[in-house]
Structure formats: structure tokens, C-alpha cells
Amino acid sequence: MSQHDEAQPDWRRMLEIAGPYPIEAFAFVRDGLSYTAQRVHENLESLSEDERHVSGQQLCLGLRDFAIEKYGMLARDVLAHWNVDRTDDFGRIVFAMIDEGVMSRNDNDSMEDFRAVFDFAEAFSRDELLARIGASSGNRAQAVH
């Protein structure tokens, strides 16, 4: 997937296509795509749109990390509030955005790429969140010294 910078998308249509997700979930996925692409590709600015591509699996894992970084211990609660409880939900949001030209895909991308990439209960468990948040804090603390 990669981002398009085009005219204003039809949010109402995207919501109809994707299902019961609020606008905030779409914005999170859009921002999470940029976050993921920057983490996957070292020098993003020098790459063509095709070279900036991230797979559905990479995007799901990036969205997991983005949620934890952005919302910390509340990551799962925020996603659940948006009706996002499985990686398949990310896929529905992504493909609705593709249909509206907000994101693009290549010939190999499919909804299957988003099926059961990780288990939300496991990925956002208290222990996993504490481990990831602690690792992030440790990295920031090391960078300061």
C-alpha cells in the first residue's frame, strides 16, 4: 500500500464501503501507513511510489506499533472504540481507502494479506504493552544520554 495525495475523498462513501468505523480510524490508518513506510524503508524520500510500498502484513504490524506508541496502555481500548478488533478490520479500512483513491495498491495486494496477522488480545495484552512501552522509553532515555 502507498499513499496518494489527491482531491478530497468521499468519506461518506468510504464509511459505507468499509463498515462501522469512524473517521478517526481512517485517519489513524492513513497516518499509520506513513509511520510504517518510514520504519520499513530507510530513505523514504528518495524512493518512487512503487518502492515505498508496504505489504498488508507490514502495515498491520506497523499499525500495532503505531497504536502502542500513540496510545500506550490504552491502545487496544482506542482501537476497540473504533470497532477495530482484528487485523481484518485494518484491511477493510485500507481497501475502502484504496477504492476512494486515498491509498494505492499493487497487483499482489489483497484482503488476505490482513487476515489474522496477529491476535489483538496477545499483541495488546498488559504484559506486551508494558514490555513495548518500556522498550520505547528505554530507547528514548538512551538517546538522551
Protein backbone atom coordinates (compact mmCIF):
# COMPACT_ATOMS: atom_id res chain seq x y z
CA MET A 1 0.00 0.00 0.00
CA SER A 2 1.10 3.56 -0.51
CA GLN A 3 -0.49 6.96 -0.03
CA HIS A 4 -1.97 9.22 -2.66
CA ASP A 5 -2.20 12.98 -2.29
CA GLU A 6 -5.26 13.71 -4.35
CA ALA A 7 -8.54 15.59 -4.11
CA GLN A 8 -10.67 15.28 -1.00
CA PRO A 9 -12.01 11.72 -0.73
CA ASP A 10 -15.69 10.91 -0.30
CA TRP A 11 -15.63 9.98 3.41
CA ARG A 12 -19.32 9.02 3.42
CA ARG A 13 -18.73 6.52 0.64
CA MET A 14 -15.63 5.14 2.38
CA LEU A 15 -17.63 4.63 5.55
CA GLU A 16 -20.34 2.82 3.58
CA ILE A 17 -17.77 0.56 1.89
CA ALA A 18 -15.71 -0.30 4.98
CA GLY A 19 -18.32 -0.72 7.65
CA PRO A 20 -18.76 0.53 11.20
CA TYR A 21 -15.55 2.52 11.56
CA PRO A 22 -15.43 6.23 12.43
CA ILE A 23 -13.38 8.80 10.53
CA GLU A 24 -10.74 8.64 13.29
CA ALA A 25 -9.97 5.03 12.36
CA PHE A 26 -9.35 6.03 8.75
CA ALA A 27 -7.08 8.89 9.83
CA PHE A 28 -5.20 6.52 12.14
CA VAL A 29 -4.64 4.01 9.30
CA ARG A 30 -3.55 6.77 6.91
CA ASP A 31 -1.08 8.17 9.45
CA GLY A 32 -0.02 4.65 10.38
CA LEU A 33 0.83 3.94 6.74
CA SER A 34 3.29 6.85 6.74
CA TYR A 35 4.71 5.67 10.08
CA THR A 36 5.11 2.12 8.76
CA ALA A 37 6.66 3.14 5.44
CA GLN A 38 9.23 5.27 7.26
CA ARG A 39 10.12 2.34 9.52
CA VAL A 40 10.29 -0.20 6.69
CA HIS A 41 12.22 1.96 4.22
CA GLU A 42 15.32 3.79 5.42
CA ASN A 43 15.43 6.63 2.91
CA LEU A 44 11.76 7.07 2.03
CA GLU A 45 12.13 10.42 0.25
CA SER A 46 14.43 9.02 -2.43
CA LEU A 47 12.08 6.15 -3.34
CA SER A 48 9.44 6.06 -6.06
CA GLU A 49 5.84 5.35 -5.09
CA ASP A 50 6.23 1.69 -6.09
CA GLU A 51 9.37 1.37 -3.97
CA ARG A 52 7.55 2.88 -0.95
CA HIS A 53 5.07 0.02 -0.96
CA VAL A 54 4.45 -1.90 2.25
CA SER A 55 2.63 -5.21 2.40
CA GLY A 56 -0.59 -5.77 4.31
CA GLN A 57 1.31 -7.75 6.94
CA GLN A 58 3.91 -4.99 7.34
CA LEU A 59 1.14 -2.41 7.64
CA CYS A 60 -0.70 -4.42 10.31
CA LEU A 61 2.46 -4.76 12.38
CA GLY A 62 3.25 -1.09 11.86
CA LEU A 63 -0.28 -0.11 12.92
CA ARG A 64 0.14 -2.21 16.07
CA ASP A 65 3.37 -0.39 16.91
CA PHE A 66 1.89 2.99 15.96
CA ALA A 67 -1.12 2.41 18.25
CA ILE A 68 1.14 1.48 21.14
CA GLU A 69 3.41 4.45 20.54
CA LYS A 70 0.48 6.84 20.21
CA TYR A 71 -1.93 5.50 22.84
CA GLY A 72 0.26 3.45 25.19
CA MET A 73 -1.68 1.25 27.60
CA LEU A 74 -4.96 2.45 26.04
CA ALA A 75 -4.06 1.26 22.51
CA ARG A 76 -6.47 -1.68 22.46
CA ASP A 77 -9.26 0.37 24.06
CA VAL A 78 -8.91 3.14 21.47
CA LEU A 79 -8.97 0.66 18.58
CA ALA A 80 -11.96 -1.18 20.11
CA HIS A 81 -13.77 2.16 20.46
CA TRP A 82 -13.35 2.49 16.70
CA ASN A 83 -14.67 -1.09 16.15
CA VAL A 84 -11.19 -2.30 15.20
CA ASP A 85 -10.73 -5.66 16.92
CA ARG A 86 -8.82 -7.71 14.33
CA THR A 87 -6.26 -7.15 11.63
CA ASP A 88 -9.04 -7.84 9.10
CA ASP A 89 -10.58 -4.53 10.21
CA PHE A 90 -7.41 -2.74 9.13
CA GLY A 91 -7.79 -4.43 5.73
CA ARG A 92 -11.39 -3.28 5.30
CA ILE A 93 -10.38 0.29 6.11
CA VAL A 94 -7.39 0.11 3.74
CA PHE A 95 -9.39 -1.27 0.82
CA ALA A 96 -12.12 1.33 1.29
CA MET A 97 -9.39 3.98 1.11
CA ILE A 98 -7.95 2.31 -1.99
CA ASP A 99 -11.39 2.39 -3.62
CA GLU A 100 -11.54 6.16 -2.96
CA GLY A 101 -8.00 6.82 -4.22
CA VAL A 102 -6.55 7.75 -0.82
CA MET A 103 -4.20 4.76 -0.94
CA SER A 104 -2.90 2.67 -3.80
CA ARG A 105 -2.12 -0.99 -4.14
CA ASN A 106 -0.09 -3.22 -6.36
CA ASP A 107 -1.28 -6.37 -8.12
CA ASN A 108 -0.15 -8.60 -5.25
CA ASP A 109 -2.14 -6.82 -2.51
CA SER A 110 -5.32 -8.48 -1.26
CA MET A 111 -7.58 -8.66 1.78
CA GLU A 112 -5.93 -11.99 2.58
CA ASP A 113 -2.78 -10.05 3.50
CA PHE A 114 -4.68 -8.68 6.51
CA ARG A 115 -6.21 -11.91 7.80
CA ALA A 116 -5.08 -12.93 11.28
CA VAL A 117 -1.70 -11.19 11.09
CA PHE A 118 -1.68 -11.04 14.88
CA ASP A 119 -4.07 -11.63 17.75
CA PHE A 120 -5.24 -8.40 19.38
CA ALA A 121 -5.61 -9.95 22.83
CA GLU A 122 -1.99 -11.07 22.69
CA ALA A 123 -0.49 -8.02 20.96
CA PHE A 124 -2.23 -5.59 23.31
CA SER A 125 -2.03 -7.64 26.50
CA ARG A 126 -0.90 -5.78 29.60
CA ASP A 127 2.44 -7.62 29.65
CA GLU A 128 3.11 -6.99 25.95
CA LEU A 129 2.21 -3.32 26.25
CA LEU A 130 4.42 -2.86 29.30
CA ALA A 131 7.30 -4.60 27.52
CA ARG A 132 6.91 -2.47 24.38
CA ILE A 133 6.35 0.79 26.22
CA GLY A 134 9.31 0.04 28.48
CA ALA A 135 11.48 -0.74 25.46
CA SER A 136 10.43 2.53 23.80
CA SER A 137 11.11 4.54 26.96
CA GLY A 138 14.49 2.87 27.32
CA ASN A 139 15.40 3.76 23.74
CA ARG A 140 14.41 7.38 24.29
CA ALA A 141 16.34 7.51 27.57
CA GLN A 142 19.44 6.08 25.89
CA ALA A 143 19.18 8.61 23.08
CA VAL A 144 19.17 11.48 25.61
CA HIS A 145 22.41 10.35 27.26
